[in-house]
Amino acid sequence: MFGSSDDEEEASNSDLVHEAKGANGQVELKQSKIIIKRKGMLAKLGHMGKGNKEIPISSITSIQFKDAGRVTNGYIQFGQSGYSESDGGAFDAANDENSVMFKRKQQEEFETLKEEIDDIRENGGDSGGRDTDPAIDALREKFATGEISKEEYEERLAVLEA
């Protein structure tokens, strides 16, 4: 009645491609989306009141990846349409809902995660290959950097996808 049953959890994990556990959260990669989860004390303190965040692979416009150092955490940040990425480095990434920080010993898991996401994006994931068009990638970059408005982005995207 309350929570999910073992059968529901098993069904939800059946399309799991990769999972990476970081210092302030976890990222589950499914074939068509990523799910950022906040489990554990540090994760919940930094992201009070926020539940899981799902981002469709087709809406990821960029991935920032910073290697972990000897004394600093690394992070992975997912840019998406309509989302203003933080550019304050690891300090901002600690509180950013689209970022997960990781320790040096966890970095390999996140490198693999990024490679898997890049593979899905390059092969079209659930979008039938449309997202590999260089013109669409360029358009997404212009929108992500603020060069064009959301309305202009949507209009141009509709033309390119037609």
N, C-alpha and C. Protein backbone atom coordinates (compact mmCIF):
# COMPACT_ATOMS: atom_id res chain seq x y z
N MET A 1 0.81 -1.19 0.00
CA MET A 1 0.00 0.00 0.00
C MET A 1 0.86 1.26 0.00
N PHE A 2 1.84 1.32 0.90
CA PHE A 2 2.74 2.46 0.97
C PHE A 2 4.06 2.08 0.36
N GLY A 3 4.66 3.00 -0.46
CA GLY A 3 5.94 2.71 -1.10
C GLY A 3 5.74 1.79 -2.29
N SER A 4 6.85 1.28 -2.81
CA SER A 4 6.75 0.41 -3.98
C SER A 4 7.06 -1.02 -3.58
N SER A 5 6.44 -1.93 -4.24
CA SER A 5 6.68 -3.34 -3.97
C SER A 5 7.96 -3.77 -4.66
N ASP A 6 8.43 -4.95 -4.28
CA ASP A 6 9.64 -5.49 -4.93
C ASP A 6 9.42 -5.69 -6.42
N ASP A 7 8.20 -6.13 -6.81
CA ASP A 7 7.90 -6.34 -8.22
C ASP A 7 7.96 -5.03 -9.01
N GLU A 8 7.43 -3.94 -8.43
CA GLU A 8 7.46 -2.63 -9.11
C GLU A 8 8.89 -2.15 -9.26
N GLU A 9 9.68 -2.32 -8.20
CA GLU A 9 11.07 -1.87 -8.27
C GLU A 9 11.85 -2.69 -9.29
N GLU A 10 11.62 -4.00 -9.33
CA GLU A 10 12.29 -4.85 -10.31
C GLU A 10 11.91 -4.46 -11.73
N ALA A 11 10.63 -4.15 -11.95
CA ALA A 11 10.16 -3.73 -13.27
C ALA A 11 10.80 -2.42 -13.67
N SER A 12 10.95 -1.49 -12.71
CA SER A 12 11.53 -0.19 -13.04
C SER A 12 13.02 -0.30 -13.32
N ASN A 13 13.67 -1.33 -12.80
CA ASN A 13 15.10 -1.52 -13.04
C ASN A 13 15.39 -2.38 -14.26
N SER A 14 14.36 -2.92 -14.91
CA SER A 14 14.58 -3.82 -16.02
C SER A 14 15.24 -3.14 -17.21
N ASP A 15 15.05 -1.83 -17.39
CA ASP A 15 15.69 -1.14 -18.50
C ASP A 15 16.89 -0.30 -18.06
N LEU A 16 17.42 -0.61 -16.89
CA LEU A 16 18.59 0.10 -16.36
C LEU A 16 19.81 -0.22 -17.21
N VAL A 17 20.47 0.83 -17.71
CA VAL A 17 21.67 0.67 -18.53
C VAL A 17 22.92 0.78 -17.65
N HIS A 18 22.92 1.75 -16.75
CA HIS A 18 24.08 2.00 -15.88
C HIS A 18 23.62 2.78 -14.66
N GLU A 19 24.32 2.60 -13.57
CA GLU A 19 24.06 3.37 -12.36
C GLU A 19 25.39 3.82 -11.78
N ALA A 20 25.44 5.09 -11.38
CA ALA A 20 26.65 5.64 -10.76
C ALA A 20 26.27 6.30 -9.45
N LYS A 21 26.98 5.94 -8.38
CA LYS A 21 26.70 6.49 -7.05
C LYS A 21 27.78 7.50 -6.71
N GLY A 22 27.34 8.73 -6.41
CA GLY A 22 28.27 9.80 -6.12
C GLY A 22 28.21 10.25 -4.67
N ALA A 23 28.88 11.37 -4.39
CA ALA A 23 28.96 11.90 -3.03
C ALA A 23 27.65 12.54 -2.59
N ASN A 24 26.91 13.13 -3.52
CA ASN A 24 25.67 13.81 -3.12
C ASN A 24 24.46 13.35 -3.94
N GLY A 25 24.55 12.15 -4.49
CA GLY A 25 23.42 11.63 -5.24
C GLY A 25 23.83 10.47 -6.13
N GLN A 26 22.83 9.92 -6.80
CA GLN A 26 23.04 8.80 -7.70
C GLN A 26 22.40 9.14 -9.04
N VAL A 27 22.95 8.56 -10.10
CA VAL A 27 22.37 8.74 -11.43
C VAL A 27 22.07 7.36 -12.00
N GLU A 28 20.81 7.15 -12.36
CA GLU A 28 20.42 5.93 -13.06
C GLU A 28 20.22 6.28 -14.52
N LEU A 29 20.85 5.52 -15.39
CA LEU A 29 20.68 5.70 -16.82
C LEU A 29 19.76 4.62 -17.36
N LYS A 30 18.65 5.05 -17.93
CA LYS A 30 17.74 4.15 -18.62
C LYS A 30 17.95 4.40 -20.11
N GLN A 31 17.32 3.64 -20.97
CA GLN A 31 17.52 3.79 -22.42
C GLN A 31 17.04 5.15 -22.92
N SER A 32 16.02 5.73 -22.27
CA SER A 32 15.45 6.98 -22.78
C SER A 32 15.55 8.15 -21.81
N LYS A 33 16.11 7.95 -20.61
CA LYS A 33 16.17 9.03 -19.63
C LYS A 33 17.23 8.75 -18.58
N ILE A 34 17.58 9.81 -17.84
CA ILE A 34 18.39 9.64 -16.65
C ILE A 34 17.52 10.03 -15.46
N ILE A 35 17.80 9.42 -14.33
CA ILE A 35 17.10 9.75 -13.10
C ILE A 35 18.15 10.11 -12.06
N ILE A 36 18.09 11.35 -11.56
CA ILE A 36 19.00 11.78 -10.51
C ILE A 36 18.27 11.58 -9.19
N LYS A 37 18.87 10.77 -8.32
CA LYS A 37 18.27 10.46 -7.02
C LYS A 37 19.14 11.03 -5.91
N ARG A 38 18.51 11.37 -4.82
CA ARG A 38 19.22 11.89 -3.66
C ARG A 38 18.99 10.97 -2.48
N LYS A 39 19.87 10.01 -2.31
CA LYS A 39 19.82 9.10 -1.18
C LYS A 39 21.04 9.35 -0.32
N GLY A 40 20.90 9.21 0.96
CA GLY A 40 22.01 9.40 1.87
C GLY A 40 21.96 10.77 2.53
N MET A 41 22.68 10.91 3.64
CA MET A 41 22.64 12.12 4.47
C MET A 41 23.11 13.36 3.70
N LEU A 42 24.28 13.30 3.08
CA LEU A 42 24.83 14.46 2.37
C LEU A 42 23.92 14.88 1.22
N ALA A 43 23.41 13.91 0.49
CA ALA A 43 22.53 14.19 -0.65
C ALA A 43 21.26 14.90 -0.18
N LYS A 44 20.67 14.42 0.89
CA LYS A 44 19.42 15.01 1.37
C LYS A 44 19.64 16.39 1.99
N LEU A 45 20.76 16.60 2.66
CA LEU A 45 21.05 17.91 3.24
C LEU A 45 21.21 18.97 2.15
N GLY A 46 21.91 18.63 1.10
CA GLY A 46 22.17 19.58 0.02
C GLY A 46 20.98 19.84 -0.87
N HIS A 47 20.01 18.95 -0.87
CA HIS A 47 18.87 19.06 -1.78
C HIS A 47 17.57 18.83 -1.02
N MET A 48 17.41 19.55 0.08
CA MET A 48 16.24 19.40 0.94
C MET A 48 14.93 19.49 0.18
N GLY A 49 14.08 18.53 0.39
CA GLY A 49 12.73 18.58 -0.16
C GLY A 49 12.62 18.25 -1.63
N LYS A 50 13.71 17.97 -2.28
CA LYS A 50 13.65 17.66 -3.70
C LYS A 50 13.65 16.16 -3.89
N GLY A 51 12.77 15.69 -4.72
CA GLY A 51 12.70 14.25 -5.00
C GLY A 51 13.60 13.90 -6.16
N ASN A 52 13.29 12.79 -6.79
CA ASN A 52 14.04 12.35 -7.96
C ASN A 52 13.81 13.31 -9.11
N LYS A 53 14.81 13.46 -9.94
CA LYS A 53 14.68 14.31 -11.13
C LYS A 53 14.92 13.44 -12.35
N GLU A 54 13.94 13.43 -13.25
CA GLU A 54 14.06 12.67 -14.49
C GLU A 54 14.32 13.63 -15.64
N ILE A 55 15.31 13.29 -16.47
CA ILE A 55 15.63 14.10 -17.64
C ILE A 55 15.66 13.17 -18.85
N PRO A 56 14.77 13.41 -19.82
CA PRO A 56 14.82 12.59 -21.04
C PRO A 56 16.16 12.78 -21.76
N ILE A 57 16.72 11.71 -22.26
CA ILE A 57 17.99 11.79 -22.99
C ILE A 57 17.87 12.79 -24.14
N SER A 58 16.71 12.80 -24.79
CA SER A 58 16.51 13.68 -25.95
C SER A 58 16.56 15.15 -25.59
N SER A 59 16.39 15.50 -24.30
CA SER A 59 16.42 16.92 -23.93
C SER A 59 17.76 17.34 -23.33
N ILE A 60 18.73 16.42 -23.24
CA ILE A 60 20.05 16.80 -22.73
C ILE A 60 20.80 17.52 -23.84
N THR A 61 21.17 18.78 -23.57
CA THR A 61 21.87 19.58 -24.58
C THR A 61 23.37 19.58 -24.38
N SER A 62 23.82 19.30 -23.14
CA SER A 62 25.26 19.27 -22.87
C SER A 62 25.52 18.48 -21.60
N ILE A 63 26.76 18.03 -21.48
CA ILE A 63 27.19 17.35 -20.25
C ILE A 63 28.53 17.97 -19.86
N GLN A 64 28.57 18.58 -18.68
CA GLN A 64 29.83 19.10 -18.15
C GLN A 64 30.40 18.03 -17.23
N PHE A 65 31.68 17.78 -17.36
CA PHE A 65 32.33 16.76 -16.54
C PHE A 65 33.62 17.34 -15.99
N LYS A 66 33.76 17.34 -14.67
CA LYS A 66 35.00 17.80 -14.05
C LYS A 66 35.60 16.66 -13.26
N ASP A 67 36.85 16.37 -13.55
CA ASP A 67 37.55 15.29 -12.85
C ASP A 67 37.70 15.64 -11.37
N ALA A 68 37.66 14.61 -10.54
CA ALA A 68 37.92 14.78 -9.10
C ALA A 68 39.43 14.92 -8.90
N GLY A 69 39.79 15.75 -7.95
CA GLY A 69 41.20 15.91 -7.61
C GLY A 69 41.53 15.16 -6.33
N ARG A 70 42.71 15.38 -5.81
CA ARG A 70 43.10 14.72 -4.56
C ARG A 70 42.26 15.19 -3.38
N VAL A 71 41.91 16.48 -3.38
CA VAL A 71 41.14 17.02 -2.25
C VAL A 71 39.80 17.60 -2.67
N THR A 72 39.52 17.64 -3.96
CA THR A 72 38.25 18.20 -4.42
C THR A 72 37.43 17.13 -5.14
N ASN A 73 36.12 17.25 -5.00
CA ASN A 73 35.22 16.35 -5.71
C ASN A 73 35.12 16.77 -7.16
N GLY A 74 34.81 15.81 -8.00
CA GLY A 74 34.47 16.09 -9.39
C GLY A 74 32.96 16.17 -9.49
N TYR A 75 32.47 16.46 -10.68
CA TYR A 75 31.02 16.49 -10.86
C TYR A 75 30.65 16.24 -12.31
N ILE A 76 29.40 15.82 -12.48
CA ILE A 76 28.79 15.71 -13.80
C ILE A 76 27.53 16.57 -13.74
N GLN A 77 27.35 17.39 -14.77
CA GLN A 77 26.19 18.29 -14.82
C GLN A 77 25.52 18.13 -16.18
N PHE A 78 24.20 17.99 -16.14
CA PHE A 78 23.42 17.79 -17.35
C PHE A 78 22.70 19.07 -17.73
N GLY A 79 23.05 19.62 -18.90
CA GLY A 79 22.36 20.80 -19.42
C GLY A 79 21.16 20.34 -20.23
N GLN A 80 20.11 21.14 -20.16
CA GLN A 80 18.93 20.80 -20.94
C GLN A 80 18.22 22.08 -21.37
N SER A 81 17.37 21.96 -22.38
CA SER A 81 16.62 23.10 -22.90
C SER A 81 15.85 23.78 -21.78
N GLY A 82 15.94 25.10 -21.73
CA GLY A 82 15.21 25.86 -20.73
C GLY A 82 15.86 25.85 -19.37
N TYR A 83 17.05 25.32 -19.24
CA TYR A 83 17.74 25.21 -17.96
C TYR A 83 19.02 26.02 -18.03
N SER A 84 19.21 26.89 -17.07
CA SER A 84 20.40 27.72 -17.02
C SER A 84 21.47 27.00 -16.21
N GLU A 85 22.54 26.59 -16.87
CA GLU A 85 23.61 25.86 -16.19
C GLU A 85 24.38 26.79 -15.29
N SER A 86 24.80 26.27 -14.13
CA SER A 86 25.65 27.06 -13.24
C SER A 86 27.07 26.98 -13.78
N ASP A 87 27.81 28.05 -13.60
CA ASP A 87 29.20 28.04 -14.07
C ASP A 87 30.17 28.34 -12.93
N GLY A 88 29.71 28.07 -11.71
CA GLY A 88 30.54 28.31 -10.54
C GLY A 88 31.38 27.12 -10.13
N GLY A 89 31.49 26.13 -10.99
CA GLY A 89 32.32 24.97 -10.70
C GLY A 89 31.73 24.07 -9.64
N ALA A 90 32.61 23.40 -8.91
CA ALA A 90 32.19 22.39 -7.93
C ALA A 90 31.34 23.00 -6.82
N PHE A 91 31.61 24.25 -6.45
CA PHE A 91 30.83 24.88 -5.38
C PHE A 91 29.35 24.96 -5.76
N ASP A 92 29.05 25.44 -6.97
CA ASP A 92 27.66 25.50 -7.43
C ASP A 92 27.10 24.11 -7.71
N ALA A 93 27.93 23.20 -8.19
CA ALA A 93 27.46 21.85 -8.52
C ALA A 93 26.93 21.13 -7.28
N ALA A 94 27.44 21.48 -6.12
CA ALA A 94 27.00 20.83 -4.89
C ALA A 94 25.52 21.04 -4.63
N ASN A 95 24.96 22.16 -5.08
CA ASN A 95 23.55 22.48 -4.84
C ASN A 95 22.70 22.48 -6.09
N ASP A 96 23.30 22.19 -7.23
CA ASP A 96 22.57 22.22 -8.50
C ASP A 96 21.78 20.92 -8.68
N GLU A 97 20.49 21.05 -8.99
CA GLU A 97 19.64 19.86 -9.11
C GLU A 97 20.00 18.97 -10.31
N ASN A 98 20.72 19.50 -11.29
CA ASN A 98 21.11 18.72 -12.48
C ASN A 98 22.55 18.23 -12.40
N SER A 99 23.14 18.31 -11.21
CA SER A 99 24.54 17.89 -11.03
C SER A 99 24.65 16.86 -9.92
N VAL A 100 25.62 15.99 -10.07
CA VAL A 100 25.97 15.04 -9.02
C VAL A 100 27.48 15.09 -8.86
N MET A 101 27.91 15.24 -7.61
CA MET A 101 29.35 15.27 -7.31
C MET A 101 29.83 13.86 -7.01
N PHE A 102 31.11 13.63 -7.26
CA PHE A 102 31.69 12.32 -7.00
C PHE A 102 33.11 12.46 -6.48
N LYS A 103 33.52 11.47 -5.71
CA LYS A 103 34.88 11.41 -5.17
C LYS A 103 35.79 10.74 -6.20
N ARG A 104 37.06 10.86 -5.97
CA ARG A 104 38.05 10.31 -6.91
C ARG A 104 37.84 8.81 -7.14
N LYS A 105 37.52 8.08 -6.06
CA LYS A 105 37.33 6.63 -6.20
C LYS A 105 36.05 6.28 -6.95
N GLN A 106 35.12 7.25 -7.12
CA GLN A 106 33.86 7.02 -7.84
C GLN A 106 33.93 7.51 -9.28
N GLN A 107 35.00 8.18 -9.65
CA GLN A 107 35.09 8.83 -10.96
C GLN A 107 34.92 7.87 -12.12
N GLU A 108 35.51 6.70 -12.04
CA GLU A 108 35.43 5.75 -13.16
C GLU A 108 33.98 5.39 -13.47
N GLU A 109 33.15 5.24 -12.42
CA GLU A 109 31.72 4.96 -12.61
C GLU A 109 31.05 6.08 -13.42
N PHE A 110 31.42 7.32 -13.12
CA PHE A 110 30.82 8.47 -13.80
C PHE A 110 31.37 8.66 -15.21
N GLU A 111 32.63 8.29 -15.43
CA GLU A 111 33.17 8.32 -16.78
C GLU A 111 32.42 7.33 -17.67
N THR A 112 32.17 6.14 -17.13
CA THR A 112 31.40 5.13 -17.86
C THR A 112 29.99 5.62 -18.13
N LEU A 113 29.37 6.23 -17.12
CA LEU A 113 28.03 6.80 -17.27
C LEU A 113 28.00 7.80 -18.42
N LYS A 114 28.94 8.72 -18.44
CA LYS A 114 28.99 9.74 -19.51
C LYS A 114 29.16 9.09 -20.88
N GLU A 115 30.04 8.10 -20.97
CA GLU A 115 30.23 7.39 -22.25
C GLU A 115 28.95 6.72 -22.71
N GLU A 116 28.23 6.09 -21.78
CA GLU A 116 26.97 5.42 -22.11
C GLU A 116 25.93 6.43 -22.60
N ILE A 117 25.84 7.56 -21.92
CA ILE A 117 24.89 8.60 -22.34
C ILE A 117 25.26 9.14 -23.71
N ASP A 118 26.55 9.39 -23.92
CA ASP A 118 27.00 9.87 -25.24
C ASP A 118 26.66 8.87 -26.34
N ASP A 119 26.83 7.57 -26.06
CA ASP A 119 26.49 6.54 -27.04
C ASP A 119 25.01 6.57 -27.38
N ILE A 120 24.17 6.67 -26.35
CA ILE A 120 22.72 6.71 -26.59
C ILE A 120 22.35 7.96 -27.38
N ARG A 121 22.94 9.10 -27.01
CA ARG A 121 22.63 10.35 -27.73
C ARG A 121 23.08 10.26 -29.19
N GLU A 122 24.26 9.70 -29.42
CA GLU A 122 24.78 9.59 -30.79
C GLU A 122 23.96 8.63 -31.64
N ASN A 123 23.42 7.60 -31.00
CA ASN A 123 22.64 6.61 -31.73
C ASN A 123 21.16 6.92 -31.72
N GLY A 124 20.80 8.07 -31.23
CA GLY A 124 19.41 8.51 -31.30
C GLY A 124 18.55 8.11 -30.14
N GLY A 125 18.97 7.21 -29.27
CA GLY A 125 18.17 6.82 -28.12
C GLY A 125 16.75 6.52 -28.51
N ASP A 126 15.80 7.17 -27.86
CA ASP A 126 14.39 6.91 -28.15
C ASP A 126 13.84 7.86 -29.20
N SER A 127 14.69 8.61 -29.86
CA SER A 127 14.21 9.62 -30.79
C SER A 127 14.44 9.26 -32.25
N GLY A 128 14.78 8.02 -32.51
CA GLY A 128 14.91 7.57 -33.89
C GLY A 128 16.06 8.19 -34.66
N GLY A 129 17.09 8.65 -33.96
CA GLY A 129 18.26 9.17 -34.64
C GLY A 129 18.20 10.64 -34.99
N ARG A 130 17.10 11.33 -34.73
CA ARG A 130 16.99 12.75 -35.09
C ARG A 130 18.02 13.60 -34.39
N ASP A 131 18.39 13.26 -33.15
CA ASP A 131 19.25 14.11 -32.36
C ASP A 131 20.69 14.14 -32.82
N THR A 132 21.08 13.32 -33.78
CA THR A 132 22.46 13.32 -34.25
C THR A 132 22.69 14.36 -35.35
N ASP A 133 21.66 15.06 -35.78
CA ASP A 133 21.77 16.08 -36.82
C ASP A 133 22.62 17.24 -36.29
N PRO A 134 23.73 17.56 -36.97
CA PRO A 134 24.60 18.65 -36.52
C PRO A 134 23.88 20.00 -36.44
N ALA A 135 22.90 20.23 -37.33
CA ALA A 135 22.16 21.49 -37.29
C ALA A 135 21.34 21.59 -36.00
N ILE A 136 20.78 20.47 -35.56
CA ILE A 136 20.01 20.48 -34.30
C ILE A 136 20.96 20.68 -33.12
N ASP A 137 22.12 20.03 -33.17
CA ASP A 137 23.10 20.21 -32.09
C ASP A 137 23.54 21.67 -32.00
N ALA A 138 23.78 22.31 -33.14
CA ALA A 138 24.18 23.72 -33.16
C ALA A 138 23.07 24.61 -32.62
N LEU A 139 21.84 24.29 -33.00
CA LEU A 139 20.68 25.04 -32.50
C LEU A 139 20.57 24.91 -30.99
N ARG A 140 20.73 23.70 -30.48
CA ARG A 140 20.66 23.48 -29.02
C ARG A 140 21.75 24.27 -28.30
N GLU A 141 22.93 24.31 -28.88
CA GLU A 141 24.03 25.05 -28.27
C GLU A 141 23.71 26.54 -28.21
N LYS A 142 23.15 27.09 -29.28
CA LYS A 142 22.76 28.51 -29.30
C LYS A 142 21.73 28.80 -28.22
N PHE A 143 20.77 27.89 -28.06
CA PHE A 143 19.74 28.08 -27.04
C PHE A 143 20.34 27.97 -25.64
N ALA A 144 21.21 26.98 -25.44
CA ALA A 144 21.81 26.75 -24.13
C ALA A 144 22.68 27.92 -23.69
N THR A 145 23.30 28.62 -24.65
CA THR A 145 24.15 29.75 -24.32
C THR A 145 23.40 31.08 -24.30
N GLY A 146 22.09 31.03 -24.60
CA GLY A 146 21.29 32.25 -24.54
C GLY A 146 21.31 33.09 -25.80
N GLU A 147 21.89 32.58 -26.88
CA GLU A 147 21.95 33.34 -28.12
C GLU A 147 20.58 33.50 -28.77
N ILE A 148 19.70 32.52 -28.53
CA ILE A 148 18.34 32.61 -29.09
C ILE A 148 17.32 32.34 -27.99
N SER A 149 16.12 32.85 -28.17
CA SER A 149 15.04 32.67 -27.18
C SER A 149 14.44 31.27 -27.29
N LYS A 150 13.64 30.92 -26.29
CA LYS A 150 12.97 29.62 -26.30
C LYS A 150 12.03 29.52 -27.50
N GLU A 151 11.30 30.59 -27.78
CA GLU A 151 10.37 30.59 -28.90
C GLU A 151 11.10 30.39 -30.22
N GLU A 152 12.21 31.11 -30.40
CA GLU A 152 12.99 30.97 -31.63
C GLU A 152 13.57 29.56 -31.75
N TYR A 153 14.04 29.02 -30.62
CA TYR A 153 14.56 27.66 -30.61
C TYR A 153 13.50 26.67 -31.07
N GLU A 154 12.30 26.77 -30.48
CA GLU A 154 11.22 25.83 -30.81
C GLU A 154 10.80 25.95 -32.28
N GLU A 155 10.74 27.18 -32.80
CA GLU A 155 10.38 27.38 -34.20
C GLU A 155 11.40 26.75 -35.14
N ARG A 156 12.69 27.05 -34.87
CA ARG A 156 13.75 26.51 -35.72
C ARG A 156 13.83 24.98 -35.62
N LEU A 157 13.63 24.47 -34.41
CA LEU A 157 13.67 23.02 -34.21
C LEU A 157 12.56 22.34 -35.00
N ALA A 158 11.38 22.92 -34.98
CA ALA A 158 10.24 22.35 -35.72
C ALA A 158 10.56 22.29 -37.23
N VAL A 159 11.20 23.33 -37.74
CA VAL A 159 11.58 23.36 -39.16
C VAL A 159 12.61 22.29 -39.46
N LEU A 160 13.61 22.15 -38.60
CA LEU A 160 14.68 21.17 -38.83
C LEU A 160 14.17 19.74 -38.71
N GLU A 161 13.22 19.50 -37.84
CA GLU A 161 12.70 18.14 -37.64
C GLU A 161 11.65 17.75 -38.67
N ALA A 162 11.14 18.75 -39.42
CA ALA A 162 10.08 18.46 -40.40
C ALA A 162 10.62 17.72 -41.61
